[in-house]
Amino acid sequence: MADHLWFTTARLSILLSKTQNTGGISLIEHRMPRDFAVPLHVHVDEEESFCMLDGEVRIRVGEEIRLLTPGESLAVPAGLPHSFRVVSGEARFLTVTTGRFEDMVRSLARPAQGPGLPPQEAPTADQIDALVAACARHGIEFRGPAVD
């Protein structure tokens, strides 16, 4: 059974936890509102793969910027800077990782209070600091602003 979580202003559903298989694979469905963006960052010790289900995301991987649309997939090697922004009304995609990303999500997320997205409120300075610290503890380093 999936764990449905609110993480910042997104809804993440952990469909397969890394504790449920010998490969340590996490399969997470992300549902995000328009303009949701993730700053440029690297996963030090894990690869992250994306598979778009609905909507569109502009993604930067290294120096390349492209539009990811439904049915497209993309793998980001460990250590390669990447960022993305939802450019459609809403986006839904899957990520597959084999590292500490799931642990970071669980350290900050709260149980979803319904089927939709969480309240769309700007993060406080304390929430941003908590996110940066959690990412650092789980092998994720911020490198710059989100892709436009």
N, C-alpha and C. Protein backbone atom coordinates (compact mmCIF):
# COMPACT_ATOMS: atom_id res chain seq x y z
N MET A 1 0.84 -1.18 0.00
CA MET A 1 0.00 0.00 0.00
C MET A 1 0.89 1.25 0.00
N ALA A 2 0.54 2.21 -0.80
CA ALA A 2 1.34 3.43 -0.95
C ALA A 2 1.22 4.33 0.27
N ASP A 3 2.30 5.05 0.55
CA ASP A 3 2.28 6.11 1.54
C ASP A 3 2.05 7.42 0.80
N HIS A 4 0.96 8.11 1.09
CA HIS A 4 0.64 9.38 0.44
C HIS A 4 1.06 10.51 1.37
N LEU A 5 1.95 11.36 0.87
CA LEU A 5 2.57 12.39 1.70
C LEU A 5 2.43 13.76 1.06
N TRP A 6 2.37 14.78 1.88
CA TRP A 6 2.50 16.15 1.43
C TRP A 6 3.93 16.57 1.73
N PHE A 7 4.62 17.01 0.69
CA PHE A 7 6.02 17.42 0.80
C PHE A 7 6.11 18.82 0.20
N THR A 8 6.38 19.80 1.01
CA THR A 8 6.29 21.22 0.65
C THR A 8 4.90 21.43 0.05
N THR A 9 4.79 21.87 -1.22
CA THR A 9 3.48 22.09 -1.83
C THR A 9 3.13 21.00 -2.84
N ALA A 10 3.78 19.87 -2.75
CA ALA A 10 3.55 18.74 -3.66
C ALA A 10 2.95 17.56 -2.91
N ARG A 11 2.39 16.65 -3.68
CA ARG A 11 1.90 15.38 -3.13
C ARG A 11 2.80 14.28 -3.68
N LEU A 12 3.41 13.52 -2.78
CA LEU A 12 4.27 12.41 -3.18
C LEU A 12 3.66 11.12 -2.65
N SER A 13 3.58 10.13 -3.50
CA SER A 13 3.08 8.82 -3.10
C SER A 13 4.21 7.82 -3.28
N ILE A 14 4.65 7.23 -2.19
CA ILE A 14 5.72 6.24 -2.26
C ILE A 14 5.06 4.91 -2.61
N LEU A 15 5.17 4.54 -3.88
CA LEU A 15 4.52 3.35 -4.40
C LEU A 15 5.30 2.09 -4.07
N LEU A 16 6.62 2.22 -4.02
CA LEU A 16 7.50 1.12 -3.65
C LEU A 16 8.63 1.70 -2.81
N SER A 17 8.68 1.30 -1.56
CA SER A 17 9.73 1.79 -0.67
C SER A 17 11.01 1.00 -0.89
N LYS A 18 12.12 1.67 -0.67
CA LYS A 18 13.42 0.99 -0.81
C LYS A 18 13.57 -0.16 0.18
N THR A 19 12.75 -0.18 1.22
CA THR A 19 12.80 -1.27 2.19
C THR A 19 12.01 -2.50 1.74
N GLN A 20 11.29 -2.37 0.62
CA GLN A 20 10.44 -3.47 0.16
C GLN A 20 11.07 -4.33 -0.93
N ASN A 21 12.33 -4.10 -1.25
CA ASN A 21 12.99 -4.88 -2.30
C ASN A 21 14.49 -4.93 -2.04
N THR A 22 15.13 -5.95 -2.58
CA THR A 22 16.56 -6.16 -2.31
C THR A 22 17.45 -5.15 -3.02
N GLY A 23 16.95 -4.49 -4.07
CA GLY A 23 17.77 -3.51 -4.79
C GLY A 23 17.75 -2.13 -4.17
N GLY A 24 16.91 -1.93 -3.15
CA GLY A 24 16.83 -0.62 -2.53
C GLY A 24 16.21 0.43 -3.43
N ILE A 25 15.32 0.02 -4.33
CA ILE A 25 14.71 0.93 -5.29
C ILE A 25 13.50 1.61 -4.66
N SER A 26 13.42 2.93 -4.83
CA SER A 26 12.24 3.70 -4.45
C SER A 26 11.51 4.11 -5.72
N LEU A 27 10.21 3.90 -5.75
CA LEU A 27 9.37 4.35 -6.86
C LEU A 27 8.36 5.32 -6.26
N ILE A 28 8.46 6.59 -6.67
CA ILE A 28 7.66 7.64 -6.06
C ILE A 28 6.90 8.39 -7.15
N GLU A 29 5.59 8.54 -6.94
CA GLU A 29 4.77 9.37 -7.83
C GLU A 29 4.74 10.78 -7.26
N HIS A 30 5.03 11.76 -8.11
CA HIS A 30 5.03 13.17 -7.72
C HIS A 30 3.85 13.86 -8.41
N ARG A 31 3.11 14.63 -7.66
CA ARG A 31 2.04 15.46 -8.23
C ARG A 31 2.31 16.88 -7.76
N MET A 32 2.50 17.80 -8.73
CA MET A 32 2.96 19.14 -8.39
C MET A 32 2.17 20.20 -9.15
N PRO A 33 1.94 21.35 -8.53
CA PRO A 33 1.20 22.42 -9.19
C PRO A 33 2.08 23.19 -10.18
N ARG A 34 1.42 23.99 -11.01
CA ARG A 34 2.14 24.86 -11.95
C ARG A 34 3.15 25.72 -11.18
N ASP A 35 4.31 25.90 -11.76
CA ASP A 35 5.41 26.71 -11.24
C ASP A 35 6.15 26.08 -10.06
N PHE A 36 5.76 24.86 -9.65
CA PHE A 36 6.56 24.17 -8.64
C PHE A 36 7.95 23.99 -9.25
N ALA A 37 8.96 24.34 -8.50
CA ALA A 37 10.33 24.27 -9.03
C ALA A 37 11.28 23.74 -7.97
N VAL A 38 12.28 23.04 -8.42
CA VAL A 38 13.32 22.51 -7.56
C VAL A 38 14.64 23.18 -7.96
N PRO A 39 15.36 23.75 -7.00
CA PRO A 39 16.63 24.41 -7.33
C PRO A 39 17.63 23.44 -7.95
N LEU A 40 18.61 24.00 -8.63
CA LEU A 40 19.69 23.20 -9.19
C LEU A 40 20.38 22.46 -8.06
N HIS A 41 20.51 21.15 -8.20
CA HIS A 41 21.07 20.33 -7.12
C HIS A 41 21.69 19.07 -7.70
N VAL A 42 22.44 18.37 -6.87
CA VAL A 42 23.01 17.07 -7.25
C VAL A 42 22.70 16.06 -6.15
N HIS A 43 22.49 14.84 -6.59
CA HIS A 43 22.42 13.70 -5.68
C HIS A 43 23.82 13.08 -5.72
N VAL A 44 24.53 13.17 -4.62
CA VAL A 44 25.93 12.77 -4.57
C VAL A 44 26.12 11.29 -4.90
N ASP A 45 25.23 10.45 -4.39
CA ASP A 45 25.47 9.01 -4.51
C ASP A 45 24.29 8.22 -5.08
N GLU A 46 23.40 8.88 -5.82
CA GLU A 46 22.29 8.12 -6.40
C GLU A 46 21.87 8.71 -7.73
N GLU A 47 21.47 7.81 -8.60
CA GLU A 47 20.89 8.18 -9.88
C GLU A 47 19.41 8.45 -9.66
N GLU A 48 18.85 9.34 -10.45
CA GLU A 48 17.42 9.64 -10.37
C GLU A 48 16.85 9.56 -11.78
N SER A 49 15.81 8.75 -11.96
CA SER A 49 15.16 8.63 -13.26
C SER A 49 13.75 9.17 -13.16
N PHE A 50 13.33 9.86 -14.22
CA PHE A 50 12.01 10.47 -14.30
C PHE A 50 11.20 9.82 -15.42
N CYS A 51 9.90 9.64 -15.21
CA CYS A 51 8.98 9.18 -16.24
C CYS A 51 7.72 10.04 -16.14
N MET A 52 7.49 10.88 -17.16
CA MET A 52 6.35 11.79 -17.15
C MET A 52 5.05 11.03 -17.41
N LEU A 53 4.05 11.32 -16.59
CA LEU A 53 2.73 10.73 -16.76
C LEU A 53 1.73 11.75 -17.31
N ASP A 54 1.68 12.93 -16.70
CA ASP A 54 0.76 14.00 -17.11
C ASP A 54 1.45 15.34 -16.97
N GLY A 55 1.09 16.29 -17.83
CA GLY A 55 1.63 17.63 -17.74
C GLY A 55 2.99 17.75 -18.39
N GLU A 56 3.61 18.89 -18.14
CA GLU A 56 4.92 19.17 -18.74
C GLU A 56 5.85 19.80 -17.70
N VAL A 57 7.10 19.39 -17.78
CA VAL A 57 8.14 19.88 -16.88
C VAL A 57 9.33 20.33 -17.73
N ARG A 58 9.81 21.55 -17.47
CA ARG A 58 11.06 21.99 -18.08
C ARG A 58 12.16 21.53 -17.15
N ILE A 59 13.12 20.81 -17.68
CA ILE A 59 14.16 20.23 -16.85
C ILE A 59 15.53 20.61 -17.39
N ARG A 60 16.41 20.93 -16.47
CA ARG A 60 17.81 21.19 -16.82
C ARG A 60 18.63 20.05 -16.24
N VAL A 61 19.42 19.43 -17.10
CA VAL A 61 20.35 18.39 -16.68
C VAL A 61 21.71 18.79 -17.22
N GLY A 62 22.64 19.09 -16.32
CA GLY A 62 23.92 19.65 -16.75
C GLY A 62 23.65 20.99 -17.40
N GLU A 63 24.08 21.17 -18.64
CA GLU A 63 23.85 22.42 -19.36
C GLU A 63 22.68 22.33 -20.33
N GLU A 64 22.07 21.15 -20.46
CA GLU A 64 20.96 20.95 -21.39
C GLU A 64 19.62 21.26 -20.71
N ILE A 65 18.77 22.00 -21.42
CA ILE A 65 17.41 22.28 -20.96
C ILE A 65 16.45 21.69 -21.98
N ARG A 66 15.47 20.93 -21.49
CA ARG A 66 14.48 20.34 -22.40
C ARG A 66 13.13 20.27 -21.72
N LEU A 67 12.11 20.05 -22.53
CA LEU A 67 10.76 19.89 -22.05
C LEU A 67 10.45 18.41 -21.96
N LEU A 68 10.02 17.96 -20.80
CA LEU A 68 9.65 16.57 -20.60
C LEU A 68 8.13 16.49 -20.64
N THR A 69 7.60 15.67 -21.56
CA THR A 69 6.16 15.55 -21.78
C THR A 69 5.70 14.12 -21.51
N PRO A 70 4.39 13.90 -21.40
CA PRO A 70 3.89 12.56 -21.07
C PRO A 70 4.47 11.47 -21.98
N GLY A 71 4.89 10.39 -21.35
CA GLY A 71 5.47 9.26 -22.06
C GLY A 71 6.99 9.31 -22.18
N GLU A 72 7.58 10.46 -21.86
CA GLU A 72 9.04 10.58 -21.95
C GLU A 72 9.69 10.23 -20.62
N SER A 73 10.89 9.69 -20.72
CA SER A 73 11.68 9.34 -19.53
C SER A 73 13.07 9.91 -19.66
N LEU A 74 13.74 10.06 -18.52
CA LEU A 74 15.06 10.66 -18.48
C LEU A 74 15.78 10.15 -17.24
N ALA A 75 17.03 9.75 -17.40
CA ALA A 75 17.86 9.32 -16.27
C ALA A 75 18.92 10.38 -16.01
N VAL A 76 19.09 10.72 -14.74
CA VAL A 76 20.10 11.69 -14.32
C VAL A 76 21.14 10.95 -13.49
N PRO A 77 22.38 10.84 -13.99
CA PRO A 77 23.42 10.15 -13.23
C PRO A 77 23.75 10.85 -11.91
N ALA A 78 24.22 10.10 -10.95
CA ALA A 78 24.67 10.68 -9.68
C ALA A 78 25.73 11.74 -9.97
N GLY A 79 25.66 12.84 -9.22
CA GLY A 79 26.66 13.89 -9.35
C GLY A 79 26.41 14.90 -10.45
N LEU A 80 25.37 14.70 -11.27
CA LEU A 80 25.09 15.65 -12.36
C LEU A 80 24.03 16.66 -11.90
N PRO A 81 24.35 17.96 -11.93
CA PRO A 81 23.38 18.97 -11.48
C PRO A 81 22.12 18.94 -12.34
N HIS A 82 20.98 19.08 -11.68
CA HIS A 82 19.71 19.13 -12.40
C HIS A 82 18.69 19.95 -11.62
N SER A 83 17.69 20.43 -12.34
CA SER A 83 16.64 21.26 -11.79
C SER A 83 15.41 21.09 -12.67
N PHE A 84 14.23 21.34 -12.14
CA PHE A 84 13.05 21.31 -12.99
C PHE A 84 12.00 22.29 -12.49
N ARG A 85 11.06 22.60 -13.40
CA ARG A 85 9.92 23.49 -13.10
C ARG A 85 8.70 22.96 -13.84
N VAL A 86 7.57 22.91 -13.15
CA VAL A 86 6.30 22.52 -13.78
C VAL A 86 5.82 23.69 -14.62
N VAL A 87 5.59 23.46 -15.92
CA VAL A 87 5.17 24.53 -16.81
C VAL A 87 3.74 24.34 -17.31
N SER A 88 3.10 23.25 -16.97
CA SER A 88 1.70 23.03 -17.30
C SER A 88 0.85 23.34 -16.06
N GLY A 89 -0.45 23.19 -16.17
CA GLY A 89 -1.34 23.46 -15.05
C GLY A 89 -1.00 22.63 -13.82
N GLU A 90 -0.60 21.42 -14.03
CA GLU A 90 -0.17 20.51 -12.97
C GLU A 90 0.67 19.44 -13.67
N ALA A 91 1.52 18.77 -12.93
CA ALA A 91 2.32 17.69 -13.52
C ALA A 91 2.30 16.49 -12.59
N ARG A 92 2.42 15.34 -13.21
CA ARG A 92 2.50 14.09 -12.46
C ARG A 92 3.55 13.23 -13.14
N PHE A 93 4.53 12.75 -12.34
CA PHE A 93 5.58 11.91 -12.89
C PHE A 93 6.06 10.94 -11.83
N LEU A 94 6.79 9.94 -12.28
CA LEU A 94 7.40 8.96 -11.40
C LEU A 94 8.88 9.23 -11.32
N THR A 95 9.46 8.99 -10.13
CA THR A 95 10.91 8.95 -10.02
C THR A 95 11.31 7.59 -9.49
N VAL A 96 12.47 7.15 -9.94
CA VAL A 96 13.07 5.91 -9.46
C VAL A 96 14.45 6.28 -8.96
N THR A 97 14.74 5.92 -7.70
CA THR A 97 16.06 6.18 -7.13
C THR A 97 16.51 4.94 -6.36
N THR A 98 17.78 4.91 -6.04
CA THR A 98 18.32 3.79 -5.26
C THR A 98 19.19 4.30 -4.10
N GLY A 99 18.83 5.44 -3.57
CA GLY A 99 19.64 6.01 -2.51
C GLY A 99 18.82 6.60 -1.39
N ARG A 100 19.25 7.75 -0.95
CA ARG A 100 18.69 8.35 0.26
C ARG A 100 17.58 9.36 0.01
N PHE A 101 17.16 9.55 -1.25
CA PHE A 101 16.11 10.53 -1.55
C PHE A 101 14.83 10.21 -0.76
N GLU A 102 14.41 8.95 -0.77
CA GLU A 102 13.20 8.58 -0.03
C GLU A 102 13.33 8.95 1.45
N ASP A 103 14.48 8.71 2.05
CA ASP A 103 14.68 9.04 3.46
C ASP A 103 14.54 10.55 3.69
N MET A 104 15.07 11.35 2.77
CA MET A 104 14.96 12.80 2.90
C MET A 104 13.50 13.22 2.84
N VAL A 105 12.76 12.67 1.87
CA VAL A 105 11.34 13.00 1.74
C VAL A 105 10.61 12.66 3.03
N ARG A 106 10.82 11.46 3.53
CA ARG A 106 10.12 11.03 4.74
C ARG A 106 10.49 11.88 5.96
N SER A 107 11.71 12.43 5.98
CA SER A 107 12.13 13.23 7.13
C SER A 107 11.39 14.56 7.22
N LEU A 108 10.83 15.06 6.12
CA LEU A 108 10.16 16.36 6.11
C LEU A 108 8.67 16.29 5.78
N ALA A 109 8.23 15.22 5.17
CA ALA A 109 6.84 15.13 4.71
C ALA A 109 5.89 14.89 5.87
N ARG A 110 4.65 15.15 5.58
CA ARG A 110 3.57 14.86 6.54
C ARG A 110 2.51 14.04 5.81
N PRO A 111 1.74 13.24 6.53
CA PRO A 111 0.71 12.44 5.84
C PRO A 111 -0.25 13.35 5.08
N ALA A 112 -0.62 12.95 3.88
CA ALA A 112 -1.58 13.72 3.08
C ALA A 112 -2.91 13.77 3.82
N GLN A 113 -3.54 14.94 3.82
CA GLN A 113 -4.81 15.13 4.52
C GLN A 113 -6.01 14.99 3.59
N GLY A 114 -5.78 14.44 2.43
CA GLY A 114 -6.85 14.25 1.45
C GLY A 114 -6.24 13.85 0.13
N PRO A 115 -7.08 13.73 -0.90
CA PRO A 115 -6.57 13.24 -2.18
C PRO A 115 -5.82 14.27 -3.02
N GLY A 116 -5.95 15.54 -2.70
CA GLY A 116 -5.36 16.58 -3.53
C GLY A 116 -4.00 17.05 -3.05
N LEU A 117 -3.62 18.21 -3.58
CA LEU A 117 -2.37 18.85 -3.20
C LEU A 117 -2.52 19.53 -1.84
N PRO A 118 -1.40 19.74 -1.15
CA PRO A 118 -1.46 20.48 0.11
C PRO A 118 -1.75 21.95 -0.15
N PRO A 119 -2.02 22.72 0.90
CA PRO A 119 -2.19 24.17 0.73
C PRO A 119 -0.98 24.77 0.01
N GLN A 120 -1.24 25.68 -0.89
CA GLN A 120 -0.17 26.29 -1.69
C GLN A 120 0.30 27.57 -1.03
N GLU A 121 1.17 27.41 -0.04
CA GLU A 121 1.70 28.53 0.72
C GLU A 121 3.20 28.63 0.53
N ALA A 122 3.70 29.85 0.45
CA ALA A 122 5.14 30.06 0.34
C ALA A 122 5.83 29.53 1.59
N PRO A 123 6.99 28.90 1.43
CA PRO A 123 7.69 28.37 2.60
C PRO A 123 8.26 29.49 3.47
N THR A 124 8.32 29.22 4.75
CA THR A 124 8.93 30.17 5.69
C THR A 124 10.45 29.99 5.62
N ALA A 125 11.17 30.93 6.20
CA ALA A 125 12.63 30.82 6.26
C ALA A 125 13.04 29.57 7.03
N ASP A 126 12.33 29.25 8.10
CA ASP A 126 12.63 28.04 8.88
C ASP A 126 12.40 26.77 8.05
N GLN A 127 11.34 26.75 7.24
CA GLN A 127 11.07 25.58 6.40
C GLN A 127 12.15 25.41 5.33
N ILE A 128 12.61 26.50 4.77
CA ILE A 128 13.69 26.44 3.77
C ILE A 128 14.97 25.92 4.43
N ASP A 129 15.29 26.44 5.60
CA ASP A 129 16.48 25.98 6.32
C ASP A 129 16.38 24.48 6.63
N ALA A 130 15.20 24.02 7.03
CA ALA A 130 15.00 22.60 7.34
C ALA A 130 15.19 21.75 6.09
N LEU A 131 14.69 22.21 4.95
CA LEU A 131 14.84 21.48 3.70
C LEU A 131 16.31 21.38 3.29
N VAL A 132 17.03 22.49 3.36
CA VAL A 132 18.45 22.50 3.00
C VAL A 132 19.23 21.55 3.91
N ALA A 133 18.94 21.59 5.20
CA ALA A 133 19.65 20.72 6.16
C ALA A 133 19.31 19.24 5.90
N ALA A 134 18.04 18.93 5.65
CA ALA A 134 17.65 17.54 5.39
C ALA A 134 18.31 17.03 4.12
N CYS A 135 18.35 17.85 3.11
CA CYS A 135 18.99 17.44 1.86
C CYS A 135 20.47 17.16 2.10
N ALA A 136 21.14 18.04 2.82
CA ALA A 136 22.57 17.84 3.10
C ALA A 136 22.81 16.54 3.85
N ARG A 137 21.94 16.21 4.80
CA ARG A 137 22.09 14.96 5.56
C ARG A 137 21.88 13.72 4.69
N HIS A 138 21.19 13.89 3.57
CA HIS A 138 20.85 12.75 2.73
C HIS A 138 21.55 12.78 1.37
N GLY A 139 22.67 13.47 1.27
CA GLY A 139 23.50 13.43 0.07
C GLY A 139 23.00 14.25 -1.11
N ILE A 140 22.24 15.31 -0.83
CA ILE A 140 21.74 16.20 -1.88
C ILE A 140 22.31 17.59 -1.61
N GLU A 141 23.00 18.14 -2.60
CA GLU A 141 23.64 19.45 -2.46
C GLU A 141 23.00 20.43 -3.42
N PHE A 142 22.62 21.61 -2.91
CA PHE A 142 22.07 22.66 -3.75
C PHE A 142 23.21 23.40 -4.43
N ARG A 143 22.99 23.73 -5.72
CA ARG A 143 24.04 24.37 -6.52
C ARG A 143 23.61 25.70 -7.14
N GLY A 144 22.33 26.04 -7.12
CA GLY A 144 21.89 27.28 -7.76
C GLY A 144 20.38 27.34 -7.87
N PRO A 145 19.90 28.37 -8.57
CA PRO A 145 18.45 28.55 -8.68
C PRO A 145 17.81 27.53 -9.62
N ALA A 146 16.50 27.48 -9.52
CA ALA A 146 15.72 26.58 -10.39
C ALA A 146 15.76 27.07 -11.84
N VAL A 147 15.56 26.15 -12.75
CA VAL A 147 15.45 26.50 -14.16
C VAL A 147 14.24 27.41 -14.34
N ASP A 148 14.35 28.38 -15.25
CA ASP A 148 13.21 29.29 -15.52
C ASP A 148 12.13 28.59 -16.30
